PDB file of all heavy atoms in Angstrom:
ATOM      1  N   PHE A   1      -5.682   7.085  -0.920  1.00  0.00           N
ATOM      2  CA  PHE A   1      -4.626   6.158  -0.493  1.00  0.00           C
ATOM      3  C   PHE A   1      -3.435   6.960   0.019  1.00  0.00           C
ATOM      4  O   PHE A   1      -3.140   8.048  -0.473  1.00  0.00           O
ATOM      5  CB  PHE A   1      -4.151   5.278  -1.633  1.00  0.00           C
ATOM      6  CG  PHE A   1      -5.119   4.244  -2.097  1.00  0.00           C
ATOM      7  CD1 PHE A   1      -6.471   4.247  -1.692  1.00  0.00           C
ATOM      8  CD2 PHE A   1      -4.729   3.252  -2.978  1.00  0.00           C
ATOM      9  CE1 PHE A   1      -7.358   3.278  -2.142  1.00  0.00           C
ATOM     10  CE2 PHE A   1      -5.607   2.274  -3.439  1.00  0.00           C
ATOM     11  CZ  PHE A   1      -6.922   2.295  -3.000  1.00  0.00           C
ATOM     12  N   ILE A   2      -2.735   6.378   0.996  1.00  0.00           N
ATOM     13  CA  ILE A   2      -1.530   6.990   1.548  1.00  0.00           C
ATOM     14  C   ILE A   2      -0.447   5.941   1.673  1.00  0.00           C
ATOM     15  O   ILE A   2      -0.664   4.900   2.351  1.00  0.00           O
ATOM     16  CB  ILE A   2      -1.788   7.642   2.942  1.00  0.00           C
ATOM     17  CG1 ILE A   2      -2.871   8.688   2.857  1.00  0.00           C
ATOM     18  CG2 ILE A   2      -0.486   8.229   3.475  1.00  0.00           C
ATOM     19  CD1 ILE A   2      -3.343   9.194   4.214  1.00  0.00           C
ATOM     20  N   ILE A   3       0.716   6.168   1.068  1.00  0.00           N
ATOM     21  CA  ILE A   3       1.845   5.276   1.243  1.00  0.00           C
ATOM     22  C   ILE A   3       2.792   5.826   2.295  1.00  0.00           C
ATOM     23  O   ILE A   3       2.946   7.034   2.409  1.00  0.00           O
ATOM     24  CB  ILE A   3       2.600   5.082  -0.123  1.00  0.00           C
ATOM     25  CG1 ILE A   3       3.653   3.976   0.010  1.00  0.00           C
ATOM     26  CG2 ILE A   3       3.204   6.372  -0.606  1.00  0.00           C
ATOM     27  CD1 ILE A   3       4.302   3.596  -1.315  1.00  0.00           C
ATOM     28  N   SER A   4       3.388   4.936   3.057  1.00  0.00           N
ATOM     29  CA  SER A   4       4.362   5.325   4.061  1.00  0.00           C
ATOM     30  C   SER A   4       5.403   4.250   4.218  1.00  0.00           C
ATOM     31  O   SER A   4       5.220   3.118   3.736  1.00  0.00           O
ATOM     32  CB  SER A   4       3.689   5.637   5.403  1.00  0.00           C
ATOM     33  OG  SER A   4       3.031   4.469   5.906  1.00  0.00           O
ATOM     34  N   ARG A   5       6.500   4.580   4.891  1.00  0.00           N
ATOM     35  CA  ARG A   5       7.540   3.571   5.119  1.00  0.00           C
ATOM     36  C   ARG A   5       8.129   3.698   6.517  1.00  0.00           C
ATOM     37  O   ARG A   5       8.137   4.825   7.083  1.00  0.00           O
ATOM     38  CB  ARG A   5       8.649   3.660   4.073  1.00  0.00           C
ATOM     39  CG  ARG A   5       9.526   4.920   4.136  1.00  0.00           C
ATOM     40  CD  ARG A   5      10.412   5.031   2.901  1.00  0.00           C
ATOM     41  NE  ARG A   5      11.352   3.911   2.840  1.00  0.00           N
ATOM     42  CZ  ARG A   5      11.944   3.484   1.719  1.00  0.00           C
ATOM     43  NH1 ARG A   5      11.658   4.085   0.548  1.00  0.00           N
ATOM     44  NH2 ARG A   5      12.785   2.463   1.756  1.00  0.00           N
ATOM     45  N   ASP A   6       8.573   2.590   7.073  1.00  0.00           N
ATOM     46  CA  ASP A   6       9.235   2.563   8.362  1.00  0.00           C
ATOM     47  C   ASP A   6      10.545   1.843   8.133  1.00  0.00           C
ATOM     48  O   ASP A   6      10.589   0.621   8.064  1.00  0.00           O
ATOM     49  CB  ASP A   6       8.372   1.823   9.383  1.00  0.00           C
ATOM     50  CG  ASP A   6       8.970   1.894  10.784  1.00  0.00           C
ATOM     51  OD1 ASP A   6      10.175   2.108  10.937  1.00  0.00           O
ATOM     52  OD2 ASP A   6       8.192   1.694  11.751  1.00  0.00           O
ATOM     53  N   ASN A   7      11.622   2.621   8.011  1.00  0.00           N
ATOM     54  CA  ASN A   7      12.933   2.047   7.700  1.00  0.00           C
ATOM     55  C   ASN A   7      13.460   1.164   8.811  1.00  0.00           C
ATOM     56  O   ASN A   7      14.206   0.240   8.548  1.00  0.00           O
ATOM     57  CB  ASN A   7      13.953   3.135   7.361  1.00  0.00           C
ATOM     58  CG  ASN A   7      13.691   3.787   6.010  1.00  0.00           C
ATOM     59  OD1 ASN A   7      12.995   3.234   5.155  1.00  0.00           O
ATOM     60  ND2 ASN A   7      14.215   4.977   5.817  1.00  0.00           N
ATOM     61  N   ALA A   8      13.076   1.473  10.055  1.00  0.00           N
ATOM     62  CA  ALA A   8      13.509   0.639  11.168  1.00  0.00           C
ATOM     63  C   ALA A   8      12.921  -0.757  11.115  1.00  0.00           C
ATOM     64  O   ALA A   8      13.494  -1.696  11.640  1.00  0.00           O
ATOM     65  CB  ALA A   8      13.156   1.315  12.509  1.00  0.00           C
ATOM     66  N   LYS A   9      11.753  -0.901  10.473  1.00  0.00           N
ATOM     67  CA  LYS A   9      11.095  -2.161  10.355  1.00  0.00           C
ATOM     68  C   LYS A   9      11.220  -2.777   8.951  1.00  0.00           C
ATOM     69  O   LYS A   9      10.632  -3.836   8.716  1.00  0.00           O
ATOM     70  CB  LYS A   9       9.625  -2.046  10.750  1.00  0.00           C
ATOM     71  CG  LYS A   9       9.419  -1.666  12.219  1.00  0.00           C
ATOM     72  CD  LYS A   9       7.924  -1.560  12.519  1.00  0.00           C
ATOM     73  CE  LYS A   9       7.695  -1.248  13.988  1.00  0.00           C
ATOM     74  NZ  LYS A   9       6.251  -1.121  14.299  1.00  0.00           N
ATOM     75  N   ASN A  10      11.895  -2.095   8.044  1.00  0.00           N
ATOM     76  CA  ASN A  10      11.988  -2.570   6.667  1.00  0.00           C
ATOM     77  C   ASN A  10      10.607  -2.857   6.062  1.00  0.00           C
ATOM     78  O   ASN A  10      10.406  -3.891   5.409  1.00  0.00           O
ATOM     79  CB  ASN A  10      12.865  -3.788   6.551  1.00  0.00           C
ATOM     80  CG  ASN A  10      14.345  -3.500   6.787  1.00  0.00           C
ATOM     81  OD1 ASN A  10      14.750  -2.350   6.872  1.00  0.00           O
ATOM     82  ND2 ASN A  10      15.155  -4.562   6.901  1.00  0.00           N
ATOM     83  N   THR A  11       9.707  -1.943   6.270  1.00  0.00           N
ATOM     84  CA  THR A  11       8.305  -2.146   5.890  1.00  0.00           C
ATOM     85  C   THR A  11       7.707  -0.924   5.247  1.00  0.00           C
ATOM     86  O   THR A  11       7.990   0.190   5.676  1.00  0.00           O
ATOM     87  CB  THR A  11       7.490  -2.569   7.122  1.00  0.00           C
ATOM     88  OG1 THR A  11       8.014  -3.750   7.696  1.00  0.00           O
ATOM     89  CG2 THR A  11       6.026  -2.810   6.735  1.00  0.00           C
ATOM     90  N   ILE A  12       6.920  -1.157   4.204  1.00  0.00           N
ATOM     91  CA  ILE A  12       6.097  -0.064   3.674  1.00  0.00           C
ATOM     92  C   ILE A  12       4.607  -0.433   3.875  1.00  0.00           C
ATOM     93  O   ILE A  12       4.250  -1.600   4.033  1.00  0.00           O
ATOM     94  CB  ILE A  12       6.321   0.195   2.168  1.00  0.00           C
ATOM     95  CG1 ILE A  12       5.990  -1.024   1.293  1.00  0.00           C
ATOM     96  CG2 ILE A  12       7.763   0.641   1.936  1.00  0.00           C
ATOM     97  CD1 ILE A  12       5.889  -0.691  -0.159  1.00  0.00           C
ATOM     98  N   TYR A  13       3.789   0.607   3.881  1.00  0.00           N
ATOM     99  CA  TYR A  13       2.361   0.456   4.153  1.00  0.00           C
ATOM    100  C   TYR A  13       1.576   1.155   3.073  1.00  0.00           C
ATOM    101  O   TYR A  13       2.033   2.099   2.442  1.00  0.00           O
ATOM    102  CB  TYR A  13       1.998   1.044   5.507  1.00  0.00           C
ATOM    103  CG  TYR A  13       2.790   0.484   6.650  1.00  0.00           C
ATOM    104  CD1 TYR A  13       3.952   1.112   7.087  1.00  0.00           C
ATOM    105  CD2 TYR A  13       2.395  -0.682   7.304  1.00  0.00           C
ATOM    106  CE1 TYR A  13       4.684   0.613   8.134  1.00  0.00           C
ATOM    107  CE2 TYR A  13       3.124  -1.181   8.352  1.00  0.00           C
ATOM    108  CZ  TYR A  13       4.265  -0.559   8.766  1.00  0.00           C
ATOM    109  OH  TYR A  13       4.999  -1.055   9.822  1.00  0.00           O
ATOM    110  N   LEU A  14       0.360   0.688   2.883  1.00  0.00           N
ATOM    111  CA  LEU A  14      -0.606   1.368   2.018  1.00  0.00           C
ATOM    112  C   LEU A  14      -1.917   1.479   2.785  1.00  0.00           C
ATOM    113  O   LEU A  14      -2.624   0.465   2.917  1.00  0.00           O
ATOM    114  CB  LEU A  14      -0.786   0.639   0.694  1.00  0.00           C
ATOM    115  CG  LEU A  14      -1.725   1.315  -0.310  1.00  0.00           C
ATOM    116  CD1 LEU A  14      -1.170   2.678  -0.707  1.00  0.00           C
ATOM    117  CD2 LEU A  14      -1.936   0.433  -1.516  1.00  0.00           C
ATOM    118  N   GLN A  15      -2.212   2.669   3.237  1.00  0.00           N
ATOM    119  CA  GLN A  15      -3.487   2.946   3.859  1.00  0.00           C
ATOM    120  C   GLN A  15      -4.493   3.277   2.782  1.00  0.00           C
ATOM    121  O   GLN A  15      -4.314   4.252   2.051  1.00  0.00           O
ATOM    122  CB  GLN A  15      -3.380   4.113   4.872  1.00  0.00           C
ATOM    123  CG  GLN A  15      -4.668   4.467   5.554  1.00  0.00           C
ATOM    124  CD  GLN A  15      -5.199   3.375   6.464  1.00  0.00           C
ATOM    125  OE1 GLN A  15      -4.442   2.803   7.243  1.00  0.00           O
ATOM    126  NE2 GLN A  15      -6.474   3.057   6.349  1.00  0.00           N
ATOM    127  N   MET A  16      -5.552   2.497   2.665  1.00  0.00           N
ATOM    128  CA  MET A  16      -6.563   2.660   1.632  1.00  0.00           C
ATOM    129  C   MET A  16      -7.873   3.057   2.295  1.00  0.00           C
ATOM    130  O   MET A  16      -8.438   2.290   3.073  1.00  0.00           O
ATOM    131  CB  MET A  16      -6.712   1.374   0.832  1.00  0.00           C
ATOM    132  CG  MET A  16      -5.410   0.887   0.220  1.00  0.00           C
ATOM    133  SD  MET A  16      -5.658  -0.567  -0.899  1.00  0.00           S
ATOM    134  CE  MET A  16      -6.198  -1.775   0.291  1.00  0.00           C
ATOM    135  N   ASN A  17      -8.343   4.234   1.972  1.00  0.00           N
ATOM    136  CA  ASN A  17      -9.568   4.757   2.510  1.00  0.00           C
ATOM    137  C   ASN A  17     -10.635   4.965   1.441  1.00  0.00           C
ATOM    138  O   ASN A  17     -10.299   5.105   0.273  1.00  0.00           O
ATOM    139  CB  ASN A  17      -9.323   6.099   3.214  1.00  0.00           C
ATOM    140  CG  ASN A  17      -8.320   5.977   4.361  1.00  0.00           C
ATOM    141  OD1 ASN A  17      -8.409   5.052   5.174  1.00  0.00           O
ATOM    142  ND2 ASN A  17      -7.402   6.918   4.454  1.00  0.00           N
ATOM    143  N   ASN A  18     -11.902   4.999   1.851  1.00  0.00           N
ATOM    144  CA  ASN A  18     -13.018   5.213   0.918  1.00  0.00           C
ATOM    145  C   ASN A  18     -12.887   4.276  -0.295  1.00  0.00           C
ATOM    146  O   ASN A  18     -12.951   4.715  -1.437  1.00  0.00           O
ATOM    147  CB  ASN A  18     -13.068   6.664   0.481  1.00  0.00           C
ATOM    148  CG  ASN A  18     -14.330   7.010  -0.247  1.00  0.00           C
ATOM    149  OD1 ASN A  18     -15.359   6.324  -0.096  1.00  0.00           O
ATOM    150  ND2 ASN A  18     -14.301   8.061  -1.056  1.00  0.00           N
ATOM    151  N   LEU A  19     -12.740   3.020   0.014  1.00  0.00           N
ATOM    152  CA  LEU A  19     -12.526   2.037  -1.060  1.00  0.00           C
ATOM    153  C   LEU A  19     -13.747   1.916  -1.984  1.00  0.00           C
ATOM    154  O   LEU A  19     -14.886   2.002  -1.536  1.00  0.00           O
ATOM    155  CB  LEU A  19     -12.182   0.684  -0.468  1.00  0.00           C
ATOM    156  CG  LEU A  19     -10.745   0.595   0.015  1.00  0.00           C
ATOM    157  CD1 LEU A  19     -10.571  -0.552   0.991  1.00  0.00           C
ATOM    158  CD2 LEU A  19      -9.783   0.406  -1.174  1.00  0.00           C
ATOM    159  N   LYS A  20     -13.467   1.700  -3.237  1.00  0.00           N
ATOM    160  CA  LYS A  20     -14.470   1.572  -4.282  1.00  0.00           C
ATOM    161  C   LYS A  20     -14.383   0.207  -4.941  1.00  0.00           C
ATOM    162  O   LYS A  20     -13.307  -0.405  -4.922  1.00  0.00           O
ATOM    163  CB  LYS A  20     -14.298   2.649  -5.339  1.00  0.00           C
ATOM    164  CG  LYS A  20     -14.338   4.063  -4.788  1.00  0.00           C
ATOM    165  CD  LYS A  20     -14.060   5.107  -5.859  1.00  0.00           C
ATOM    166  CE  LYS A  20     -14.114   6.490  -5.311  1.00  0.00           C
ATOM    167  NZ  LYS A  20     -13.856   7.533  -6.374  1.00  0.00           N
ATOM    168  N   PRO A  21     -15.467  -0.289  -5.535  1.00  0.00           N
ATOM    169  CA  PRO A  21     -15.402  -1.601  -6.221  1.00  0.00           C
ATOM    170  C   PRO A  21     -14.289  -1.671  -7.253  1.00  0.00           C
ATOM    171  O   PRO A  21     -13.680  -2.743  -7.439  1.00  0.00           O
ATOM    172  CB  PRO A  21     -16.789  -1.721  -6.879  1.00  0.00           C
ATOM    173  CG  PRO A  21     -17.674  -0.947  -5.959  1.00  0.00           C
ATOM    174  CD  PRO A  21     -16.842   0.221  -5.509  1.00  0.00           C
ATOM    175  N   GLU A  22     -13.984  -0.566  -7.901  1.00  0.00           N
ATOM    176  CA  GLU A  22     -12.929  -0.562  -8.917  1.00  0.00           C
ATOM    177  C   GLU A  22     -11.539  -0.667  -8.313  1.00  0.00           C
ATOM    178  O   GLU A  22     -10.550  -0.799  -9.049  1.00  0.00           O
ATOM    179  CB  GLU A  22     -13.056   0.692  -9.815  1.00  0.00           C
ATOM    180  CG  GLU A  22     -13.130   1.982  -9.028  1.00  0.00           C
ATOM    181  CD  GLU A  22     -14.537   2.497  -8.887  1.00  0.00           C
ATOM    182  OE1 GLU A  22     -15.432   1.660  -8.577  1.00  0.00           O
ATOM    183  OE2 GLU A  22     -14.772   3.723  -9.043  1.00  0.00           O
ATOM    184  N   ASP A  23     -11.420  -0.614  -6.993  1.00  0.00           N
ATOM    185  CA  ASP A  23     -10.145  -0.869  -6.352  1.00  0.00           C
ATOM    186  C   ASP A  23      -9.873  -2.360  -6.180  1.00  0.00           C
ATOM    187  O   ASP A  23      -8.762  -2.736  -5.756  1.00  0.00           O
ATOM    188  CB  ASP A  23     -10.092  -0.190  -4.983  1.00  0.00           C
ATOM    189  CG  ASP A  23     -10.158   1.313  -5.037  1.00  0.00           C
ATOM    190  OD1 ASP A  23      -9.487   1.887  -5.918  1.00  0.00           O
ATOM    191  OD2 ASP A  23     -10.868   1.912  -4.209  1.00  0.00           O
ATOM    192  N   THR A  24     -10.832  -3.209  -6.479  1.00  0.00           N
ATOM    193  CA  THR A  24     -10.656  -4.633  -6.374  1.00  0.00           C
ATOM    194  C   THR A  24      -9.515  -5.090  -7.303  1.00  0.00           C
ATOM    195  O   THR A  24      -9.520  -4.832  -8.476  1.00  0.00           O
ATOM    196  CB  THR A  24     -11.932  -5.383  -6.758  1.00  0.00           C
ATOM    197  OG1 THR A  24     -12.974  -5.057  -5.834  1.00  0.00           O
ATOM    198  CG2 THR A  24     -11.717  -6.884  -6.753  1.00  0.00           C
ATOM    199  N   ALA A  25      -8.517  -5.773  -6.697  1.00  0.00           N
ATOM    200  CA  ALA A  25      -7.316  -6.191  -7.437  1.00  0.00           C
ATOM    201  C   ALA A  25      -6.427  -6.988  -6.487  1.00  0.00           C
ATOM    202  O   ALA A  25      -6.598  -7.005  -5.296  1.00  0.00           O
ATOM    203  CB  ALA A  25      -6.577  -4.975  -7.985  1.00  0.00           C
ATOM    204  N   VAL A  26      -5.409  -7.622  -7.098  1.00  0.00           N
ATOM    205  CA  VAL A  26      -4.289  -8.105  -6.327  1.00  0.00           C
ATOM    206  C   VAL A  26      -3.269  -6.988  -6.256  1.00  0.00           C
ATOM    207  O   VAL A  26      -2.870  -6.424  -7.260  1.00  0.00           O
ATOM    208  CB  VAL A  26      -3.680  -9.353  -6.966  1.00  0.00           C
ATOM    209  CG1 VAL A  26      -2.485  -9.821  -6.173  1.00  0.00           C
ATOM    210  CG2 VAL A  26      -4.727 -10.461  -7.055  1.00  0.00           C
ATOM    211  N   TYR A  27      -2.830  -6.680  -5.036  1.00  0.00           N
ATOM    212  CA  TYR A  27      -1.890  -5.595  -4.797  1.00  0.00           C
ATOM    213  C   TYR A  27      -0.497  -6.205  -4.571  1.00  0.00           C
ATOM    214  O   TYR A  27      -0.313  -7.127  -3.779  1.00  0.00           O
ATOM    215  CB  TYR A  27      -2.330  -4.770  -3.611  1.00  0.00           C
ATOM    216  CG  TYR A  27      -3.455  -3.843  -3.936  1.00  0.00           C
ATOM    217  CD1 TYR A  27      -4.720  -4.349  -4.146  1.00  0.00           C
ATOM    218  CD2 TYR A  27      -3.267  -2.491  -4.091  1.00  0.00           C
ATOM    219  CE1 TYR A  27      -5.797  -3.513  -4.473  1.00  0.00           C
ATOM    220  CE2 TYR A  27      -4.288  -1.630  -4.436  1.00  0.00           C
ATOM    221  CZ  TYR A  27      -5.551  -2.149  -4.610  1.00  0.00           C
ATOM    222  OH  TYR A  27      -6.614  -1.290  -4.958  1.00  0.00           O
ATOM    223  N   TYR A  28       0.510  -5.625  -5.257  1.00  0.00           N
ATOM    224  CA  TYR A  28       1.868  -6.128  -5.224  1.00  0.00           C
ATOM    225  C   TYR A  28       2.824  -5.083  -4.703  1.00  0.00           C
ATOM    226  O   TYR A  28       2.809  -3.914  -5.162  1.00  0.00           O
ATOM    227  CB  TYR A  28       2.332  -6.533  -6.609  1.00  0.00           C
ATOM    228  CG  TYR A  28       1.554  -7.684  -7.237  1.00  0.00           C
ATOM    229  CD1 TYR A  28       0.450  -7.469  -8.013  1.00  0.00           C
ATOM    230  CD2 TYR A  28       1.935  -8.997  -7.000  1.00  0.00           C
ATOM    231  CE1 TYR A  28      -0.246  -8.521  -8.606  1.00  0.00           C
ATOM    232  CE2 TYR A  28       1.255 -10.057  -7.568  1.00  0.00           C
ATOM    233  CZ  TYR A  28       0.166  -9.796  -8.341  1.00  0.00           C
ATOM    234  OH  TYR A  28      -0.527 -10.872  -8.897  1.00  0.00           O
ATOM    235  N   CYS A  29       3.730  -5.470  -3.853  1.00  0.00           N
ATOM    236  CA  CYS A  29       4.858  -4.669  -3.451  1.00  0.00           C
ATOM    237  C   CYS A  29       5.976  -4.813  -4.478  1.00  0.00           C
ATOM    238  O   CYS A  29       6.188  -5.888  -5.062  1.00  0.00           O
ATOM    239  CB  CYS A  29       5.337  -5.145  -2.077  1.00  0.00           C
ATOM    240  SG  CYS A  29       6.594  -4.133  -1.277  1.00  0.00           S
ATOM    241  N   TYR A  30       6.758  -3.725  -4.734  1.00  0.00           N
ATOM    242  CA  TYR A  30       7.744  -3.741  -5.793  1.00  0.00           C
ATOM    243  C   TYR A  30       8.961  -2.909  -5.413  1.00  0.00           C
ATOM    244  O   TYR A  30       8.822  -1.827  -4.785  1.00  0.00           O
ATOM    245  CB  TYR A  30       7.118  -3.159  -7.062  1.00  0.00           C
ATOM    246  CG  TYR A  30       8.106  -2.814  -8.155  1.00  0.00           C
ATOM    247  CD1 TYR A  30       8.530  -3.747  -9.096  1.00  0.00           C
ATOM    248  CD2 TYR A  30       8.606  -1.503  -8.270  1.00  0.00           C
ATOM    249  CE1 TYR A  30       9.433  -3.422 -10.093  1.00  0.00           C
ATOM    250  CE2 TYR A  30       9.501  -1.188  -9.273  1.00  0.00           C
ATOM    251  CZ  TYR A  30       9.911  -2.153 -10.171  1.00  0.00           C
ATOM    252  OH  TYR A  30      10.783  -1.824 -11.165  1.00  0.00           O
ATOM    253  N   VAL A  31      10.129  -3.380  -5.819  1.00  0.00           N
ATOM    254  CA  VAL A  31      11.351  -2.594  -5.701  1.00  0.00           C
ATOM    255  C   VAL A  31      12.265  -2.852  -6.906  1.00  0.00           C
ATOM    256  O   VAL A  31      12.374  -3.995  -7.357  1.00  0.00           O
ATOM    257  CB  VAL A  31      12.104  -2.906  -4.380  1.00  0.00           C
ATOM    258  CG1 VAL A  31      12.572  -4.340  -4.298  1.00  0.00           C
ATOM    259  CG2 VAL A  31      13.310  -1.954  -4.239  1.00  0.00           C
ATOM    260  N   ARG A  32      12.876  -1.816  -7.429  1.00  0.00           N
ATOM    261  CA  ARG A  32      13.929  -1.951  -8.448  1.00  0.00           C
ATOM    262  C   ARG A  32      15.265  -1.711  -7.789  1.00  0.00           C
ATOM    263  O   ARG A  32      15.510  -0.595  -7.321  1.00  0.00           O
ATOM    264  CB  ARG A  32      13.690  -0.999  -9.596  1.00  0.00           C
ATOM    265  CG  ARG A  32      14.812  -1.012 -10.661  1.00  0.00           C
ATOM    266  CD  ARG A  32      14.465  -0.182 -11.856  1.00  0.00           C
ATOM    267  NE  ARG A  32      13.428  -0.823 -12.652  1.00  0.00           N
ATOM    268  CZ  ARG A  32      12.856  -0.258 -13.713  1.00  0.00           C
ATOM    269  NH1 ARG A  32      13.222   0.957 -14.085  1.00  0.00           N
ATOM    270  NH2 ARG A  32      11.935  -0.907 -14.367  1.00  0.00           N
TER     271      ARG A  32
END
């Protein structure tokens, strides 16, 4: 997995490669 951000777009990304069945989940964005 690779996380990245684009501050000009106020967006973060999660590139997920070679996915496995154990990656099955609900994925949540978070900020404190």
